[in-house]
Amino acid sequence: MTYQRHKSTLARLLPQASSRLDIWRVFSDFVEMAAISIANSITPDAEREAL
């Protein structure tokens, strides 16, 4: 997938995922999840994983 396609997919999915929650909260949770995933791939940490 290209950058533009990823961007449009994310822009389409965020409002669907935020039907009951604030869109910024959904995006914030997504960014946090991505950051933890990247960090775990570099240095696995069971304690951080439990968060």
C-alpha atoms as a PDB file:
ATOM      1  CA  MET A   1       0.000   0.000   0.000  1.00  0.00           C
ATOM      2  CA  THR A   2       1.102   3.522  -0.655  1.00  0.00           C
ATOM      3  CA  TYR A   3       1.190   6.336   1.884  1.00  0.00           C
ATOM      4  CA  GLN A   4      -1.877   7.974   0.347  1.00  0.00           C
ATOM      5  CA  ARG A   5      -3.840   4.733   0.492  1.00  0.00           C
ATOM      6  CA  HIS A   6      -2.905   4.173   4.154  1.00  0.00           C
ATOM      7  CA  LYS A   7      -3.874   7.747   4.939  1.00  0.00           C
ATOM      8  CA  SER A   8      -7.282   7.476   3.274  1.00  0.00           C
ATOM      9  CA  THR A   9      -7.942   4.096   4.919  1.00  0.00           C
ATOM     10  CA  LEU A  10      -7.130   5.520   8.353  1.00  0.00           C
ATOM     11  CA  ALA A  11      -9.277   8.584   7.664  1.00  0.00           C
ATOM     12  CA  ARG A  12     -12.169   6.289   6.737  1.00  0.00           C
ATOM     13  CA  LEU A  13     -11.771   3.902   9.683  1.00  0.00           C
ATOM     14  CA  LEU A  14     -11.287   6.416  12.508  1.00  0.00           C
ATOM     15  CA  PRO A  15     -14.833   7.825  12.380  1.00  0.00           C
ATOM     16  CA  GLN A  16     -16.242   4.281  12.284  1.00  0.00           C
ATOM     17  CA  ALA A  17     -14.242   3.305  15.363  1.00  0.00           C
ATOM     18  CA  SER A  18     -15.212   6.459  17.215  1.00  0.00           C
ATOM     19  CA  SER A  19     -18.984   6.158  16.990  1.00  0.00           C
ATOM     20  CA  ARG A  20     -19.193   5.972  20.794  1.00  0.00           C
ATOM     21  CA  LEU A  21     -15.914   7.632  21.750  1.00  0.00           C
ATOM     22  CA  ASP A  22     -14.190  10.898  20.951  1.00  0.00           C
ATOM     23  CA  ILE A  23     -12.214  10.583  17.695  1.00  0.00           C
ATOM     24  CA  TRP A  24      -9.107  12.102  19.305  1.00  0.00           C
ATOM     25  CA  ARG A  25      -9.225   9.477  22.071  1.00  0.00           C
ATOM     26  CA  VAL A  26      -9.448   6.706  19.476  1.00  0.00           C
ATOM     27  CA  PHE A  27      -6.493   8.175  17.578  1.00  0.00           C
ATOM     28  CA  SER A  28      -4.505   8.634  20.791  1.00  0.00           C
ATOM     29  CA  ASP A  29      -5.115   5.009  21.774  1.00  0.00           C
ATOM     30  CA  PHE A  30      -4.041   3.882  18.290  1.00  0.00           C
ATOM     31  CA  VAL A  31      -0.793   5.872  18.489  1.00  0.00           C
ATOM     32  CA  GLU A  32      -0.057   4.507  21.969  1.00  0.00           C
ATOM     33  CA  MET A  33      -0.723   0.941  20.810  1.00  0.00           C
ATOM     34  CA  ALA A  34       1.572   1.412  17.801  1.00  0.00           C
ATOM     35  CA  ALA A  35       4.346   2.885  19.959  1.00  0.00           C
ATOM     36  CA  ILE A  36       4.156  -0.004  22.438  1.00  0.00           C
ATOM     37  CA  SER A  37       4.185  -2.500  19.599  1.00  0.00           C
ATOM     38  CA  ILE A  38       7.288  -0.934  18.060  1.00  0.00           C
ATOM     39  CA  ALA A  39       9.029  -0.720  21.439  1.00  0.00           C
ATOM     40  CA  ASN A  40       8.239  -4.376  22.179  1.00  0.00           C
ATOM     41  CA  SER A  41       9.682  -5.469  18.862  1.00  0.00           C
ATOM     42  CA  ILE A  42      12.966  -3.782  19.800  1.00  0.00           C
ATOM     43  CA  THR A  43      13.145  -4.585  23.527  1.00  0.00           C
ATOM     44  CA  PRO A  44      10.474  -7.019  24.777  1.00  0.00           C
ATOM     45  CA  ASP A  45       9.294  -6.122  28.293  1.00  0.00           C
ATOM     46  CA  ALA A  46       6.521  -8.147  29.988  1.00  0.00           C
ATOM     47  CA  GLU A  47       5.727  -5.326  32.434  1.00  0.00           C
ATOM     48  CA  ARG A  48       5.197  -2.771  29.656  1.00  0.00           C
ATOM     49  CA  GLU A  49       3.171  -5.344  27.699  1.00  0.00           C
ATOM     50  CA  ALA A  50       0.745  -5.616  30.645  1.00  0.00           C
ATOM     51  CA  LEU A  51      -0.189  -1.940  30.294  1.00  0.00           C
END
